[in-house]
C-alpha atoms as a PDB file:
ATOM      1  CA  MET A   1       0.000   0.000   0.000  1.00  0.00           C
ATOM      2  CA  ILE A   2       1.340   3.407  -1.015  1.00  0.00           C
ATOM      3  CA  THR A   3       0.839   5.977   1.708  1.00  0.00           C
ATOM      4  CA  SER A   4       0.597   9.697   1.042  1.00  0.00           C
ATOM      5  CA  MET A   5       3.998  10.075   2.697  1.00  0.00           C
ATOM      6  CA  THR A   6       5.536   7.468   0.379  1.00  0.00           C
ATOM      7  CA  LEU A   7       3.977   9.148  -2.637  1.00  0.00           C
ATOM      8  CA  GLY A   8       5.330  12.500  -1.496  1.00  0.00           C
ATOM      9  CA  VAL A   9       8.818  11.075  -1.116  1.00  0.00           C
ATOM     10  CA  ARG A  10       8.627   9.597  -4.611  1.00  0.00           C
ATOM     11  CA  LEU A  11       7.457  12.876  -6.095  1.00  0.00           C
ATOM     12  CA  VAL A  12      10.285  14.772  -4.430  1.00  0.00           C
ATOM     13  CA  ALA A  13      12.793  12.157  -5.620  1.00  0.00           C
ATOM     14  CA  THR A  14      11.434  12.376  -9.156  1.00  0.00           C
ATOM     15  CA  PHE A  15      11.660  16.181  -9.075  1.00  0.00           C
ATOM     16  CA  LEU A  16      15.230  16.109  -7.765  1.00  0.00           C
ATOM     17  CA  PHE A  17      16.206  13.552 -10.404  1.00  0.00           C
ATOM     18  CA  GLY A  18      14.743  15.791 -13.115  1.00  0.00           C
ATOM     19  CA  VAL A  19      16.598  18.849 -11.841  1.00  0.00           C
ATOM     20  CA  SER A  20      19.807  16.845 -11.617  1.00  0.00           C
ATOM     21  CA  ALA A  21      19.355  15.587 -15.153  1.00  0.00           C
ATOM     22  CA  LEU A  22      18.674  19.102 -16.384  1.00  0.00           C
ATOM     23  CA  PHE A  23      21.831  20.518 -14.844  1.00  0.00           C
ATOM     24  CA  SER A  24      23.816  17.498 -15.994  1.00  0.00           C
ATOM     25  CA  SER A  25      22.560  17.989 -19.540  1.00  0.00           C
ATOM     26  CA  ALA A  26      23.446  21.715 -19.456  1.00  0.00           C
ATOM     27  CA  ALA A  27      26.894  20.943 -18.066  1.00  0.00           C
ATOM     28  CA  ASN A  28      27.537  18.292 -20.701  1.00  0.00           C
ATOM     29  CA  SER A  29      26.328  20.670 -23.423  1.00  0.00           C
ATOM     30  CA  ALA A  30      28.676  23.438 -22.244  1.00  0.00           C
ATOM     31  CA  GLU A  31      31.504  20.926 -21.948  1.00  0.00           C
ATOM     32  CA  ALA A  32      30.929  19.696 -25.509  1.00  0.00           C
ATOM     33  CA  TRP A  33      30.749  23.224 -26.944  1.00  0.00           C
ATOM     34  CA  PRO A  34      31.434  24.026 -29.719  1.00  0.00           C
ATOM     35  CA  THR A  35      29.964  21.454 -32.091  1.00  0.00           C
ATOM     36  CA  LYS A  36      29.246  23.756 -35.063  1.00  0.00           C
ATOM     37  CA  PRO A  37      30.586  26.987 -36.608  1.00  0.00           C
ATOM     38  CA  ILE A  38      30.553  30.131 -34.479  1.00  0.00           C
ATOM     39  CA  LYS A  39      29.514  33.564 -35.756  1.00  0.00           C
ATOM     40  CA  ILE A  40      31.051  36.909 -34.909  1.00  0.00           C
ATOM     41  CA  ILE A  41      28.636  39.621 -35.979  1.00  0.00           C
ATOM     42  CA  VAL A  42      30.229  42.897 -37.069  1.00  0.00           C
ATOM     43  CA  PRO A  43      27.555  45.628 -37.019  1.00  0.00           C
ATOM     44  CA  PHE A  44      29.266  47.592 -39.788  1.00  0.00           C
ATOM     45  CA  SER A  45      30.189  46.982 -43.416  1.00  0.00           C
ATOM     46  CA  PRO A  46      33.288  45.197 -44.788  1.00  0.00           C
ATOM     47  CA  GLY A  47      36.355  47.389 -44.393  1.00  0.00           C
ATOM     48  CA  SER A  48      35.095  48.963 -41.200  1.00  0.00           C
ATOM     49  CA  VAL A  49      37.134  49.117 -38.007  1.00  0.00           C
ATOM     50  CA  GLN A  50      35.366  46.201 -36.339  1.00  0.00           C
ATOM     51  CA  ASP A  51      35.412  44.152 -39.530  1.00  0.00           C
ATOM     52  CA  ALA A  52      39.171  44.414 -39.959  1.00  0.00           C
ATOM     53  CA  LEU A  53      39.720  43.628 -36.302  1.00  0.00           C
ATOM     54  CA  ALA A  54      37.416  40.588 -36.214  1.00  0.00           C
ATOM     55  CA  ARG A  55      39.101  39.101 -39.273  1.00  0.00           C
ATOM     56  CA  SER A  56      42.545  39.621 -37.757  1.00  0.00           C
ATOM     57  CA  PHE A  57      41.983  36.903 -35.140  1.00  0.00           C
ATOM     58  CA  SER A  58      38.954  34.861 -36.298  1.00  0.00           C
ATOM     59  CA  ASN A  59      41.029  32.096 -37.926  1.00  0.00           C
ATOM     60  CA  GLU A  60      43.213  31.695 -34.858  1.00  0.00           C
ATOM     61  CA  LEU A  61      40.188  31.596 -32.553  1.00  0.00           C
ATOM     62  CA  GLY A  62      38.513  28.998 -34.752  1.00  0.00           C
ATOM     63  CA  ALA A  63      41.618  26.809 -34.718  1.00  0.00           C
ATOM     64  CA  ALA A  64      41.867  27.108 -30.931  1.00  0.00           C
ATOM     65  CA  LEU A  65      38.207  26.153 -30.398  1.00  0.00           C
ATOM     66  CA  GLY A  66      38.137  23.399 -32.995  1.00  0.00           C
ATOM     67  CA  GLU A  67      35.316  24.922 -35.066  1.00  0.00           C
ATOM     68  CA  ALA A  68      35.214  27.583 -37.765  1.00  0.00           C
ATOM     69  CA  VAL A  69      34.676  31.162 -36.619  1.00  0.00           C
ATOM     70  CA  VAL A  70      32.805  33.063 -39.324  1.00  0.00           C
ATOM     71  CA  VAL A  71      32.681  36.860 -39.482  1.00  0.00           C
ATOM     72  CA  GLU A  72      29.338  38.220 -40.710  1.00  0.00           C
ATOM     73  CA  ASN A  73      28.664  41.879 -41.522  1.00  0.00           C
ATOM     74  CA  LYS A  74      25.239  43.185 -40.517  1.00  0.00           C
ATOM     75  CA  ALA A  75      25.477  46.912 -41.166  1.00  0.00           C
ATOM     76  CA  GLY A  76      22.899  49.634 -40.688  1.00  0.00           C
ATOM     77  CA  ALA A  77      21.668  52.430 -38.412  1.00  0.00           C
ATOM     78  CA  GLY A  78      25.025  53.196 -36.830  1.00  0.00           C
ATOM     79  CA  GLY A  79      25.604  49.578 -35.827  1.00  0.00           C
ATOM     80  CA  THR A  80      22.241  49.069 -34.134  1.00  0.00           C
ATOM     81  CA  VAL A  81      20.971  46.558 -36.715  1.00  0.00           C
ATOM     82  CA  GLY A  82      23.731  44.025 -36.176  1.00  0.00           C
ATOM     83  CA  THR A  83      23.821  44.657 -32.446  1.00  0.00           C
ATOM     84  CA  GLY A  84      20.082  44.012 -32.222  1.00  0.00           C
ATOM     85  CA  ILE A  85      20.509  40.715 -34.062  1.00  0.00           C
ATOM     86  CA  VAL A  86      23.021  39.515 -31.481  1.00  0.00           C
ATOM     87  CA  ALA A  87      20.880  40.730 -28.566  1.00  0.00           C
ATOM     88  CA  LYS A  88      18.000  38.564 -29.805  1.00  0.00           C
ATOM     89  CA  SER A  89      20.137  35.538 -30.670  1.00  0.00           C
ATOM     90  CA  ASN A  90      19.963  32.279 -28.770  1.00  0.00           C
ATOM     91  CA  PRO A  91      22.492  32.596 -25.892  1.00  0.00           C
ATOM     92  CA  ASP A  92      24.026  29.235 -26.758  1.00  0.00           C
ATOM     93  CA  GLY A  93      27.580  30.398 -27.429  1.00  0.00           C
ATOM     94  CA  TYR A  94      27.360  30.411 -31.219  1.00  0.00           C
ATOM     95  CA  THR A  95      26.803  34.149 -31.763  1.00  0.00           C
ATOM     96  CA  PHE A  96      29.092  36.940 -30.607  1.00  0.00           C
ATOM     97  CA  LEU A  97      29.368  40.667 -31.261  1.00  0.00           C
ATOM     98  CA  LEU A  98      32.552  42.564 -32.081  1.00  0.00           C
ATOM     99  CA  ALA A  99      31.749  45.722 -30.128  1.00  0.00           C
ATOM    100  CA  ALA A 100      33.440  49.076 -29.701  1.00  0.00           C
ATOM    101  CA  ALA A 101      32.685  52.564 -28.373  1.00  0.00           C
ATOM    102  CA  SER A 102      29.643  52.891 -30.661  1.00  0.00           C
ATOM    103  CA  HIS A 103      27.944  50.156 -28.627  1.00  0.00           C
ATOM    104  CA  ASN A 104      27.471  52.491 -25.664  1.00  0.00           C
ATOM    105  CA  ILE A 105      27.150  55.638 -27.741  1.00  0.00           C
ATOM    106  CA  ASN A 106      23.986  54.248 -29.302  1.00  0.00           C
ATOM    107  CA  GLY A 107      22.428  53.746 -25.900  1.00  0.00           C
ATOM    108  CA  SER A 108      22.488  57.501 -25.327  1.00  0.00           C
ATOM    109  CA  LEU A 109      22.135  58.743 -28.902  1.00  0.00           C
ATOM    110  CA  PHE A 110      19.031  56.783 -29.916  1.00  0.00           C
ATOM    111  CA  THR A 111      15.865  57.173 -27.867  1.00  0.00           C
ATOM    112  CA  LYS A 112      14.349  53.915 -29.137  1.00  0.00           C
ATOM    113  CA  LEU A 113      16.432  50.761 -29.483  1.00  0.00           C
ATOM    114  CA  SER A 114      15.393  47.128 -29.759  1.00  0.00           C
ATOM    115  CA  PHE A 115      18.015  46.232 -27.156  1.00  0.00           C
ATOM    116  CA  ASP A 116      19.664  47.438 -23.974  1.00  0.00           C
ATOM    117  CA  PRO A 117      23.441  47.802 -24.506  1.00  0.00           C
ATOM    118  CA  ILE A 118      24.143  46.708 -20.924  1.00  0.00           C
ATOM    119  CA  LYS A 119      21.375  44.337 -19.815  1.00  0.00           C
ATOM    120  CA  ASP A 120      21.142  42.359 -23.080  1.00  0.00           C
ATOM    121  CA  PHE A 121      24.851  41.499 -23.277  1.00  0.00           C
ATOM    122  CA  THR A 122      27.635  39.952 -21.288  1.00  0.00           C
ATOM    123  CA  GLY A 123      31.338  40.669 -21.654  1.00  0.00           C
ATOM    124  CA  VAL A 124      33.423  37.837 -23.071  1.00  0.00           C
ATOM    125  CA  ALA A 125      36.870  38.974 -24.195  1.00  0.00           C
ATOM    126  CA  TYR A 126      38.492  42.396 -23.987  1.00  0.00           C
ATOM    127  CA  ILE A 127      40.842  43.122 -26.889  1.00  0.00           C
ATOM    128  CA  GLY A 128      42.264  46.596 -26.386  1.00  0.00           C
ATOM    129  CA  THR A 129      41.942  50.294 -27.161  1.00  0.00           C
ATOM    130  CA  SER A 130      42.495  52.609 -30.090  1.00  0.00           C
ATOM    131  CA  SER A 131      42.658  56.338 -30.550  1.00  0.00           C
ATOM    132  CA  TYR A 132      41.306  58.138 -33.623  1.00  0.00           C
ATOM    133  CA  ILE A 133      42.878  60.195 -36.387  1.00  0.00           C
ATOM    134  CA  MET A 134      41.393  63.280 -38.006  1.00  0.00           C
ATOM    135  CA  MET A 135      41.925  63.035 -41.766  1.00  0.00           C
ATOM    136  CA  ILE A 136      41.136  65.484 -44.557  1.00  0.00           C
ATOM    137  CA  ASN A 137      41.213  65.313 -48.327  1.00  0.00           C
ATOM    138  CA  ALA A 138      44.697  66.446 -49.377  1.00  0.00           C
ATOM    139  CA  GLU A 139      43.212  69.006 -51.780  1.00  0.00           C
ATOM    140  CA  PHE A 140      41.601  70.818 -48.867  1.00  0.00           C
ATOM    141  CA  PRO A 141      43.868  73.808 -48.053  1.00  0.00           C
ATOM    142  CA  ALA A 142      44.171  73.289 -44.283  1.00  0.00           C
ATOM    143  CA  LYS A 143      47.535  72.062 -43.024  1.00  0.00           C
ATOM    144  CA  SER A 144      46.621  71.910 -39.327  1.00  0.00           C
ATOM    145  CA  VAL A 145      43.630  71.542 -37.010  1.00  0.00           C
ATOM    146  CA  ALA A 146      43.751  75.294 -36.331  1.00  0.00           C
ATOM    147  CA  GLU A 147      43.626  76.092 -40.055  1.00  0.00           C
ATOM    148  CA  PHE A 148      40.782  73.617 -40.570  1.00  0.00           C
ATOM    149  CA  ILE A 149      38.761  75.285 -37.813  1.00  0.00           C
ATOM    150  CA  ALA A 150      39.459  78.753 -39.223  1.00  0.00           C
ATOM    151  CA  LEU A 151      38.216  77.745 -42.681  1.00  0.00           C
ATOM    152  CA  ALA A 152      35.136  76.051 -41.232  1.00  0.00           C
ATOM    153  CA  LYS A 153      34.266  79.138 -39.177  1.00  0.00           C
ATOM    154  CA  ALA A 154      34.656  81.332 -42.244  1.00  0.00           C
ATOM    155  CA  ASN A 155      32.352  79.043 -44.244  1.00  0.00           C
ATOM    156  CA  PRO A 156      29.699  77.658 -41.861  1.00  0.00           C
ATOM    157  CA  GLY A 157      27.726  74.745 -43.252  1.00  0.00           C
ATOM    158  CA  GLN A 158      29.843  74.589 -46.423  1.00  0.00           C
ATOM    159  CA  TYR A 159      32.058  71.624 -45.548  1.00  0.00           C
ATOM    160  CA  ASN A 160      31.124  67.979 -45.024  1.00  0.00           C
ATOM    161  CA  TYR A 161      32.383  65.168 -42.845  1.00  0.00           C
ATOM    162  CA  ALA A 162      31.631  61.492 -43.367  1.00  0.00           C
ATOM    163  CA  SER A 163      31.167  58.840 -40.707  1.00  0.00           C
ATOM    164  CA  ALA A 164      30.430  55.147 -40.321  1.00  0.00           C
ATOM    165  CA  GLY A 165      26.776  56.010 -39.750  1.00  0.00           C
ATOM    166  CA  ASN A 166      24.450  57.738 -37.333  1.00  0.00           C
ATOM    167  CA  GLY A 167      25.497  56.899 -33.816  1.00  0.00           C
ATOM    168  CA  SER A 168      28.846  55.421 -34.818  1.00  0.00           C
ATOM    169  CA  ALA A 169      31.999  56.380 -32.945  1.00  0.00           C
ATOM    170  CA  SER A 170      33.291  58.293 -35.974  1.00  0.00           C
ATOM    171  CA  HIS A 171      30.036  60.277 -36.039  1.00  0.00           C
ATOM    172  CA  LEU A 172      30.224  61.190 -32.371  1.00  0.00           C
ATOM    173  CA  ALA A 173      33.969  61.897 -32.478  1.00  0.00           C
ATOM    174  CA  MET A 174      33.475  64.553 -35.154  1.00  0.00           C
ATOM    175  CA  ALA A 175      30.228  65.930 -33.687  1.00  0.00           C
ATOM    176  CA  TYR A 176      32.063  66.282 -30.370  1.00  0.00           C
ATOM    177  CA  PHE A 177      34.897  68.060 -32.197  1.00  0.00           C
ATOM    178  CA  ASP A 178      32.424  70.388 -33.952  1.00  0.00           C
ATOM    179  CA  SER A 179      30.804  71.293 -30.657  1.00  0.00           C
ATOM    180  CA  MET A 180      34.063  71.997 -28.854  1.00  0.00           C
ATOM    181  CA  ALA A 181      35.612  73.863 -31.806  1.00  0.00           C
ATOM    182  CA  GLY A 182      32.490  75.969 -32.391  1.00  0.00           C
ATOM    183  CA  ILE A 183      32.089  75.054 -36.084  1.00  0.00           C
ATOM    184  CA  GLN A 184      29.270  73.738 -38.268  1.00  0.00           C
ATOM    185  CA  LEU A 185      30.039  70.821 -40.584  1.00  0.00           C
ATOM    186  CA  VAL A 186      27.463  68.813 -42.536  1.00  0.00           C
ATOM    187  CA  HIS A 187      27.273  65.126 -41.606  1.00  0.00           C
ATOM    188  CA  ILE A 188      27.328  62.443 -44.329  1.00  0.00           C
ATOM    189  CA  PRO A 189      26.451  59.101 -42.683  1.00  0.00           C
ATOM    190  CA  THR A 190      27.515  55.910 -44.468  1.00  0.00           C
ATOM    191  CA  LYS A 191      27.348  52.189 -43.666  1.00  0.00           C
ATOM    192  CA  GLY A 192      30.918  51.874 -42.415  1.00  0.00           C
ATOM    193  CA  THR A 193      34.290  53.539 -41.957  1.00  0.00           C
ATOM    194  CA  GLY A 194      35.497  52.173 -45.290  1.00  0.00           C
ATOM    195  CA  ASP A 195      32.582  53.894 -47.009  1.00  0.00           C
ATOM    196  CA  ALA A 196      33.267  57.109 -45.098  1.00  0.00           C
ATOM    197  CA  ILE A 197      36.873  57.148 -46.284  1.00  0.00           C
ATOM    198  CA  THR A 198      35.656  56.504 -49.832  1.00  0.00           C
ATOM    199  CA  GLU A 199      33.601  59.711 -49.535  1.00  0.00           C
ATOM    200  CA  LEU A 200      36.733  61.504 -48.361  1.00  0.00           C
ATOM    201  CA  LEU A 201      38.837  60.186 -51.243  1.00  0.00           C
ATOM    202  CA  ALA A 202      36.142  61.169 -53.741  1.00  0.00           C
ATOM    203  CA  GLY A 203      36.072  64.705 -52.375  1.00  0.00           C
ATOM    204  CA  ARG A 204      32.426  64.526 -51.364  1.00  0.00           C
ATOM    205  CA  ALA A 205      33.551  64.894 -47.739  1.00  0.00           C
ATOM    206  CA  GLN A 206      36.332  67.143 -46.538  1.00  0.00           C
ATOM    207  CA  ALA A 207      37.034  65.318 -43.268  1.00  0.00           C
ATOM    208  CA  VAL A 208      36.720  62.026 -41.413  1.00  0.00           C
ATOM    209  CA  ILE A 209      37.718  61.038 -37.902  1.00  0.00           C
ATOM    210  CA  ALA A 210      38.492  57.324 -37.961  1.00  0.00           C
ATOM    211  CA  ALA A 211      40.010  54.828 -35.556  1.00  0.00           C
ATOM    212  CA  ASN A 212      43.659  53.911 -36.076  1.00  0.00           C
ATOM    213  CA  VAL A 213      42.780  50.540 -37.563  1.00  0.00           C
ATOM    214  CA  ALA A 214      40.967  52.218 -40.458  1.00  0.00           C
ATOM    215  CA  ALA A 215      43.168  55.298 -40.819  1.00  0.00           C
ATOM    216  CA  LEU A 216      46.711  53.898 -40.644  1.00  0.00           C
ATOM    217  CA  PRO A 217      46.634  52.198 -44.067  1.00  0.00           C
ATOM    218  CA  PHE A 218      46.358  55.719 -45.521  1.00  0.00           C
ATOM    219  CA  ALA A 219      49.325  57.162 -43.605  1.00  0.00           C
ATOM    220  CA  ASN A 220      51.373  57.502 -46.798  1.00  0.00           C
ATOM    221  CA  ASP A 221      48.498  58.025 -49.218  1.00  0.00           C
ATOM    222  CA  PRO A 222      49.034  61.351 -51.044  1.00  0.00           C
ATOM    223  CA  ARG A 223      45.270  61.814 -51.343  1.00  0.00           C
ATOM    224  CA  ILE A 224      44.833  62.141 -47.572  1.00  0.00           C
ATOM    225  CA  ARG A 225      46.381  64.362 -44.913  1.00  0.00           C
ATOM    226  CA  PHE A 226      46.455  63.529 -41.185  1.00  0.00           C
ATOM    227  CA  LEU A 227      45.745  66.602 -39.051  1.00  0.00           C
ATOM    228  CA  GLY A 228      45.540  65.301 -35.483  1.00  0.00           C
ATOM    229  CA  VAL A 229      45.044  62.373 -33.129  1.00  0.00           C
ATOM    230  CA  SER A 230      42.221  62.055 -30.609  1.00  0.00           C
ATOM    231  CA  SER A 231      44.382  60.804 -27.750  1.00  0.00           C
ATOM    232  CA  GLU A 232      45.520  63.056 -24.940  1.00  0.00           C
ATOM    233  CA  LYS A 233      49.173  62.455 -25.817  1.00  0.00           C
ATOM    234  CA  PRO A 234      50.916  61.996 -29.195  1.00  0.00           C
ATOM    235  CA  SER A 235      50.323  58.559 -30.687  1.00  0.00           C
ATOM    236  CA  PRO A 236      53.280  56.220 -31.294  1.00  0.00           C
ATOM    237  CA  PHE A 237      51.462  54.982 -34.389  1.00  0.00           C
ATOM    238  CA  VAL A 238      51.657  58.333 -36.214  1.00  0.00           C
ATOM    239  CA  PRO A 239      54.782  60.214 -35.071  1.00  0.00           C
ATOM    240  CA  GLY A 240      54.635  63.918 -35.736  1.00  0.00           C
ATOM    241  CA  VAL A 241      50.838  64.161 -35.784  1.00  0.00           C
ATOM    242  CA  PRO A 242      49.799  66.310 -32.803  1.00  0.00           C
ATOM    243  CA  PRO A 243      46.841  65.673 -30.485  1.00  0.00           C
ATOM    244  CA  ILE A 244      43.656  67.500 -31.510  1.00  0.00           C
ATOM    245  CA  GLY A 245      43.500  68.593 -27.875  1.00  0.00           C
ATOM    246  CA  ASN A 246      46.560  70.806 -28.430  1.00  0.00           C
ATOM    247  CA  THR A 247      44.246  73.087 -30.410  1.00  0.00           C
ATOM    248  CA  VAL A 248      40.811  72.228 -29.013  1.00  0.00           C
ATOM    249  CA  LYS A 249      41.513  72.143 -25.303  1.00  0.00           C
ATOM    250  CA  GLY A 250      40.024  69.160 -23.500  1.00  0.00           C
ATOM    251  CA  TYR A 251      39.223  67.154 -26.614  1.00  0.00           C
ATOM    252  CA  VAL A 252      39.944  63.452 -26.059  1.00  0.00           C
ATOM    253  CA  PHE A 253      38.185  60.513 -27.702  1.00  0.00           C
ATOM    254  CA  ASP A 254      39.160  56.842 -27.783  1.00  0.00           C
ATOM    255  CA  SER A 255      37.553  53.435 -28.153  1.00  0.00           C
ATOM    256  CA  TRP A 256      37.690  50.014 -26.552  1.00  0.00           C
ATOM    257  CA  PHE A 257      37.189  46.778 -28.503  1.00  0.00           C
ATOM    258  CA  GLY A 258      35.818  43.500 -27.216  1.00  0.00           C
ATOM    259  CA  LEU A 259      33.710  40.427 -27.835  1.00  0.00           C
ATOM    260  CA  LEU A 260      30.250  40.428 -26.283  1.00  0.00           C
ATOM    261  CA  ALA A 261      27.630  37.674 -26.170  1.00  0.00           C
ATOM    262  CA  PRO A 262      23.871  37.676 -25.590  1.00  0.00           C
ATOM    263  CA  ALA A 263      22.951  37.825 -21.908  1.00  0.00           C
ATOM    264  CA  GLY A 264      22.470  34.338 -20.535  1.00  0.00           C
ATOM    265  CA  THR A 265      25.309  32.745 -22.492  1.00  0.00           C
ATOM    266  CA  PRO A 266      26.735  29.911 -20.336  1.00  0.00           C
ATOM    267  CA  GLN A 267      29.627  31.065 -18.184  1.00  0.00           C
ATOM    268  CA  GLU A 268      31.599  27.978 -19.198  1.00  0.00           C
ATOM    269  CA  VAL A 269      31.440  29.138 -22.822  1.00  0.00           C
ATOM    270  CA  VAL A 270      32.419  32.685 -21.873  1.00  0.00           C
ATOM    271  CA  ASN A 271      35.391  31.387 -19.920  1.00  0.00           C
ATOM    272  CA  LYS A 272      36.547  29.163 -22.795  1.00  0.00           C
ATOM    273  CA  VAL A 273      36.457  31.992 -25.319  1.00  0.00           C
ATOM    274  CA  GLN A 274      38.143  34.416 -22.934  1.00  0.00           C
ATOM    275  CA  ALA A 275      40.920  31.924 -22.166  1.00  0.00           C
ATOM    276  CA  GLN A 276      41.623  31.300 -25.856  1.00  0.00           C
ATOM    277  CA  MET A 277      41.489  34.995 -26.748  1.00  0.00           C
ATOM    278  CA  SER A 278      43.881  35.785 -23.899  1.00  0.00           C
ATOM    279  CA  ARG A 279      46.293  33.196 -25.271  1.00  0.00           C
ATOM    280  CA  ILE A 280      45.893  34.402 -28.880  1.00  0.00           C
ATOM    281  CA  LEU A 281      46.519  38.030 -27.939  1.00  0.00           C
ATOM    282  CA  LYS A 282      49.896  37.047 -26.474  1.00  0.00           C
ATOM    283  CA  GLN A 283      51.137  35.536 -29.732  1.00  0.00           C
ATOM    284  CA  PRO A 284      53.904  37.679 -31.307  1.00  0.00           C
ATOM    285  CA  GLU A 285      52.308  37.606 -34.754  1.00  0.00           C
ATOM    286  CA  ILE A 286      48.953  38.748 -33.340  1.00  0.00           C
ATOM    287  CA  ILE A 287      50.622  41.494 -31.292  1.00  0.00           C
ATOM    288  CA  GLU A 288      52.337  42.724 -34.457  1.00  0.00           C
ATOM    289  CA  ARG A 289      49.059  42.500 -36.376  1.00  0.00           C
ATOM    290  CA  MET A 290      47.334  44.600 -33.718  1.00  0.00           C
ATOM    291  CA  LYS A 291      50.124  47.172 -33.785  1.00  0.00           C
ATOM    292  CA  ARG A 292      49.675  47.561 -37.532  1.00  0.00           C
ATOM    293  CA  GLN A 293      46.032  48.332 -36.831  1.00  0.00           C
ATOM    294  CA  GLY A 294      46.906  50.854 -34.145  1.00  0.00           C
ATOM    295  CA  ILE A 295      45.458  48.839 -31.277  1.00  0.00           C
ATOM    296  CA  GLU A 296      47.014  48.632 -27.843  1.00  0.00           C
ATOM    297  CA  ILE A 297      46.192  45.182 -26.475  1.00  0.00           C
ATOM    298  CA  GLY A 298      44.737  45.076 -22.975  1.00  0.00           C
ATOM    299  CA  ARG A 299      43.992  42.489 -20.312  1.00  0.00           C
ATOM    300  CA  LEU A 300      40.589  42.310 -18.612  1.00  0.00           C
ATOM    301  CA  THR A 301      38.517  39.425 -17.269  1.00  0.00           C
ATOM    302  CA  PRO A 302      34.894  39.049 -18.451  1.00  0.00           C
ATOM    303  CA  SER A 303      33.784  40.525 -15.133  1.00  0.00           C
ATOM    304  CA  GLU A 304      36.102  43.516 -15.565  1.00  0.00           C
ATOM    305  CA  LEU A 305      34.853  43.951 -19.130  1.00  0.00           C
ATOM    306  CA  ASN A 306      31.301  44.133 -17.807  1.00  0.00           C
ATOM    307  CA  GLN A 307      32.421  46.831 -15.369  1.00  0.00           C
ATOM    308  CA  LEU A 308      34.076  48.716 -18.230  1.00  0.00           C
ATOM    309  CA  LEU A 309      30.806  48.531 -20.201  1.00  0.00           C
ATOM    310  CA  VAL A 310      28.871  50.167 -17.379  1.00  0.00           C
ATOM    311  CA  GLY A 311      31.490  52.861 -16.749  1.00  0.00           C
ATOM    312  CA  ASP A 312      31.896  53.637 -20.444  1.00  0.00           C
ATOM    313  CA  TYR A 313      28.117  53.890 -20.853  1.00  0.00           C
ATOM    314  CA  VAL A 314      28.068  56.689 -18.285  1.00  0.00           C
ATOM    315  CA  ARG A 315      31.082  58.414 -19.892  1.00  0.00           C
ATOM    316  CA  MET A 316      29.620  58.258 -23.390  1.00  0.00           C
ATOM    317  CA  ALA A 317      26.285  59.632 -22.204  1.00  0.00           C
ATOM    318  CA  LYS A 318      28.146  62.762 -21.106  1.00  0.00           C
ATOM    319  CA  VAL A 319      30.039  62.975 -24.416  1.00  0.00           C
ATOM    320  CA  VAL A 320      26.826  62.587 -26.445  1.00  0.00           C
ATOM    321  CA  LYS A 321      25.191  65.376 -24.472  1.00  0.00           C
ATOM    322  CA  ALA A 322      28.216  67.662 -24.829  1.00  0.00           C
ATOM    323  CA  SER A 323      28.498  67.002 -28.580  1.00  0.00           C
ATOM    324  CA  GLY A 324      24.886  67.803 -29.320  1.00  0.00           C
ATOM    325  CA  ALA A 325      24.874  64.877 -31.771  1.00  0.00           C
ATOM    326  CA  LYS A 326      21.497  63.651 -32.958  1.00  0.00           C
ATOM    327  CA  PRO A 327      20.553  60.595 -35.023  1.00  0.00           C
ATOM    328  CA  GLU A 328      19.713  61.783 -38.538  1.00  0.00           C
END
């Protein structure tokens, strides 16, 4: 005869067995990961800063994890299209985002987003930082930041600047510069930094502020002139190019780079990717590759990267407000 007590014990045992099996299955799944190709979503077009960076280590990461790592470009709306795709992806460890300063900029610049840049993501692997370079078309008569500002003040609304899109870091960097320098340039948004530089080369834009990784390949291009760097101090990547802040006092703008995953991604997966990225970023050939892109490699744990995300979100909110930038 089965008493109510016996039945209760059996029900509890069955429940505990089910919970145990569930956790065991999740643990085994995380342990087996990965079993299929992994995607790194770049929210900008081919040739953009994030695109070049993602492709500089994707093969090595794939080899380390034992599965292909595929870079996919999902450009649009200043990076919010691709970022939204990752935010809504299954948090199973097969979709990551190559994020940069624009990730937090968008949270303050756009009033309506399909995602929360903090709550919908978790930090995975910090890569490093990069400053920016102000470039102009070589046919433009300015030879310095001061001369550029003087010409812009004498001709308000007559000169254009191109960016990687509304809400992108290159958009905010120049809008911030405009605000602090007291000038009025016309914004030409594009789908990526590569497209913005194309506008510069074609003469449809007179200026672009781009991260080192996108600007450095044009260091010796006679069609482009470097006027200044966005870092507080001179950059070792472009000797002789002065900080913009030497002319526009207080102007500083830089960007972090890192891999993010949808919130809820198993911690075991996060730890595996972080461990492999940490190892990859210590390889001499990768260090040299990063130097060529103007990136200073950094070391942060996933937890520290999450703290950086929160702190940078607050910082960028202040920069967005000061710049007066608006999505167009």
